[in-house]
């Protein structure tokens, strides 16, 4: 089987949509696609989106969002940085989910969309500073953690297409394991 990594990231029911689904819990993917906004710095490639912006129905604090991300992505070792100007009890409602490595091309789209928190797999240091200069919170999950959430969606699709075949799912690195010195 051939898996085109970036194509999965850019798909309508791809990695960014899977990130939203993981954060929100059990929900209808079609409804998620309709209710979220596309962040697509490479729209000329098809306009499917590489990132998505979620507007929370009920605003939440930075700490509440981080706790939800830790649980929903089974990731106790994420990196979370509140925005420079955020007050501890202030609430946010617009979150951008950008799987894998955050691209500089997202910055003007994040600003234009009024995003208050960026969730990505990894972000280079100068881009972390640029995100904070926009007044946004930042959460980094680890590159693979931000992308593996799409695998159960792909697995279910393949099982529907090929019910007589067996498929296995590798869950990736378990970051919850303790290491000894």
Protein backbone atom coordinates (compact mmCIF):
# COMPACT_ATOMS: atom_id res chain seq x y z
CA UNK A 1 0.00 0.00 0.00
CA UNK A 2 1.18 3.52 -0.76
CA UNK A 3 0.25 6.30 1.64
CA UNK A 4 0.76 9.85 0.43
CA UNK A 5 1.44 11.57 3.75
CA UNK A 6 0.70 15.17 2.74
CA UNK A 7 -2.41 14.15 0.78
CA UNK A 8 -3.85 12.67 3.98
CA UNK A 9 -3.07 15.93 5.79
CA UNK A 10 -4.85 17.91 3.08
CA UNK A 11 -7.90 15.70 2.66
CA UNK A 12 -11.37 16.97 3.56
CA UNK A 13 -11.68 14.15 6.10
CA UNK A 14 -7.95 14.24 6.68
CA UNK A 15 -5.67 14.92 9.58
CA UNK A 16 -6.89 18.40 10.58
CA UNK A 17 -10.50 17.18 10.69
CA UNK A 18 -9.37 14.15 12.72
CA UNK A 19 -7.65 16.52 15.18
CA UNK A 20 -10.92 18.42 15.69
CA UNK A 21 -12.80 15.15 16.12
CA UNK A 22 -10.30 13.93 18.70
CA UNK A 23 -10.51 17.21 20.63
CA UNK A 24 -14.32 17.30 20.63
CA UNK A 25 -14.88 13.59 21.18
CA UNK A 26 -17.37 11.47 19.31
CA UNK A 27 -18.90 13.62 16.57
CA UNK A 28 -20.09 13.48 12.98
CA UNK A 29 -17.18 14.17 10.59
CA UNK A 30 -19.48 15.62 7.93
CA UNK A 31 -20.85 18.11 10.44
CA UNK A 32 -17.30 18.96 11.57
CA UNK A 33 -16.24 19.69 8.01
CA UNK A 34 -19.26 21.96 7.51
CA UNK A 35 -18.93 23.78 10.83
CA UNK A 36 -15.16 24.39 10.80
CA UNK A 37 -13.25 26.84 8.64
CA UNK A 38 -10.47 25.80 6.29
CA UNK A 39 -6.95 27.17 6.70
CA UNK A 40 -5.27 26.63 3.37
CA UNK A 41 -2.10 28.56 2.57
CA UNK A 42 -1.76 26.47 -0.59
CA UNK A 43 -5.30 26.93 -1.91
CA UNK A 44 -4.07 26.79 -5.51
CA UNK A 45 -3.38 23.08 -4.90
CA UNK A 46 -7.07 22.32 -4.54
CA UNK A 47 -8.49 24.27 -1.64
CA UNK A 48 -9.12 21.24 0.55
CA UNK A 49 -7.34 22.65 3.56
CA UNK A 50 -4.36 21.67 5.59
CA UNK A 51 -5.60 23.19 8.81
CA UNK A 52 -9.00 23.89 10.32
CA UNK A 53 -10.37 26.53 12.67
CA UNK A 54 -12.86 25.45 15.29
CA UNK A 55 -15.23 27.94 16.94
CA UNK A 56 -16.15 26.59 20.34
CA UNK A 57 -19.84 26.89 21.22
CA UNK A 58 -18.85 27.62 24.80
CA UNK A 59 -15.55 29.51 25.29
CA UNK A 60 -12.99 27.77 27.51
CA UNK A 61 -9.89 28.78 29.42
CA UNK A 62 -6.40 27.99 28.18
CA UNK A 63 -5.92 25.47 31.01
CA UNK A 64 -9.21 23.72 30.21
CA UNK A 65 -8.24 23.43 26.54
CA UNK A 66 -4.79 22.05 27.40
CA UNK A 67 -6.29 19.44 29.75
CA UNK A 68 -8.73 18.39 27.01
CA UNK A 69 -5.87 18.09 24.52
CA UNK A 70 -3.84 15.97 26.95
CA UNK A 71 -6.77 13.59 27.39
CA UNK A 72 -8.08 13.48 23.84
CA UNK A 73 -4.64 12.93 22.29
CA UNK A 74 -3.40 10.71 25.16
CA UNK A 75 -0.44 13.04 25.37
CA UNK A 76 0.76 13.90 28.86
CA UNK A 77 3.93 15.52 27.52
CA UNK A 78 2.75 18.31 25.29
CA UNK A 79 4.17 21.84 25.23
CA UNK A 80 1.70 24.57 26.11
CA UNK A 81 2.44 28.29 26.02
CA UNK A 82 -0.23 30.87 26.89
CA UNK A 83 -0.21 34.07 24.84
CA UNK A 84 1.74 37.03 26.21
CA UNK A 85 -1.34 39.11 26.89
CA UNK A 86 -3.71 36.36 28.06
CA UNK A 87 -5.07 36.66 31.57
CA UNK A 88 -5.20 33.31 33.42
CA UNK A 89 -8.99 33.23 33.65
CA UNK A 90 -9.76 34.66 30.20
CA UNK A 91 -11.61 32.37 27.78
CA UNK A 92 -10.98 31.55 24.15
CA UNK A 93 -13.26 30.28 21.45
CA UNK A 94 -11.23 30.07 18.20
CA UNK A 95 -8.68 27.28 17.86
CA UNK A 96 -6.62 26.47 14.76
CA UNK A 97 -5.62 22.82 14.32
CA UNK A 98 -2.58 22.48 12.03
CA UNK A 99 -1.23 18.91 11.87
CA UNK A 100 2.44 18.03 11.63
CA UNK A 101 4.89 20.90 11.34
CA UNK A 102 3.40 24.42 11.43
CA UNK A 103 4.28 26.40 8.30
CA UNK A 104 5.05 30.10 8.23
CA UNK A 105 2.45 30.32 5.45
CA UNK A 106 -0.26 29.85 8.09
CA UNK A 107 0.56 33.07 9.99
CA UNK A 108 -1.52 35.53 7.91
CA UNK A 109 -4.43 33.07 7.84
CA UNK A 110 -4.32 32.63 11.63
CA UNK A 111 -4.38 36.40 12.05
CA UNK A 112 -7.19 36.91 9.53
CA UNK A 113 -9.32 34.13 11.10
CA UNK A 114 -9.10 35.66 14.58
CA UNK A 115 -7.53 32.53 16.03
CA UNK A 116 -6.76 32.60 19.76
CA UNK A 117 -4.97 29.25 20.09
CA UNK A 118 -2.84 27.29 17.64
CA UNK A 119 -2.54 23.51 18.09
CA UNK A 120 0.13 21.81 16.00
CA UNK A 121 2.57 18.95 16.10
CA UNK A 122 5.68 21.07 16.15
CA UNK A 123 6.58 24.72 15.57
CA UNK A 124 10.02 26.19 14.90
CA UNK A 125 11.18 28.68 17.53
CA UNK A 126 10.91 31.81 15.34
CA UNK A 127 7.36 30.79 14.41
CA UNK A 128 6.50 30.23 18.07
CA UNK A 129 7.47 33.85 18.67
CA UNK A 130 5.48 35.01 15.64
CA UNK A 131 2.40 33.13 16.89
CA UNK A 132 2.75 34.82 20.27
CA UNK A 133 3.18 38.19 18.54
CA UNK A 134 -0.27 37.59 17.04
CA UNK A 135 -1.57 37.24 20.61
CA UNK A 136 -2.25 33.52 20.30
CA UNK A 137 -1.74 30.67 22.72
CA UNK A 138 0.30 27.75 21.38
CA UNK A 139 0.13 24.01 22.06
CA UNK A 140 2.53 21.53 20.46
CA UNK A 141 1.52 17.87 20.66
CA UNK A 142 4.55 16.23 18.97
CA UNK A 143 4.57 15.80 15.20
CA UNK A 144 3.44 12.17 15.14
CA UNK A 145 0.77 12.66 17.82
CA UNK A 146 -0.89 15.40 15.78
CA UNK A 147 -1.09 13.14 12.74
CA UNK A 148 -1.82 9.66 14.04
CA UNK A 149 -5.41 10.59 14.96
CA UNK A 150 -6.39 10.16 11.31
CA UNK A 151 -5.35 6.49 11.26
CA UNK A 152 -8.57 5.08 12.83
CA UNK A 153 -10.57 6.99 10.19
CA UNK A 154 -8.46 5.47 7.41
CA UNK A 155 -8.71 2.04 9.04
CA UNK A 156 -12.53 2.20 9.21
CA UNK A 157 -12.66 3.32 5.57
CA UNK A 158 -10.41 0.47 4.42
CA UNK A 159 -12.43 -2.07 6.41
CA UNK A 160 -15.62 -0.84 4.71
CA UNK A 161 -14.02 -1.07 1.27
CA UNK A 162 -12.35 -4.44 1.82
CA UNK A 163 -14.33 -6.37 4.46
CA UNK A 164 -12.58 -9.67 3.69
CA UNK A 165 -9.10 -8.28 4.43
CA UNK A 166 -7.45 -7.87 7.83
CA UNK A 167 -5.80 -4.59 8.74
CA UNK A 168 -3.53 -3.70 11.64
CA UNK A 169 -3.08 -0.30 13.23
CA UNK A 170 0.24 0.75 14.74
CA UNK A 171 -0.53 3.29 17.47
CA UNK A 172 2.95 4.82 17.31
CA UNK A 173 5.23 5.91 20.15
CA UNK A 174 3.75 5.70 23.63
CA UNK A 175 4.86 8.91 25.32
CA UNK A 176 3.24 7.87 28.60
CA UNK A 177 5.96 5.33 29.36
CA UNK A 178 8.35 6.35 32.10
CA UNK A 179 12.04 6.32 31.33
CA UNK A 180 14.76 5.60 33.87
CA UNK A 181 18.07 7.42 34.14
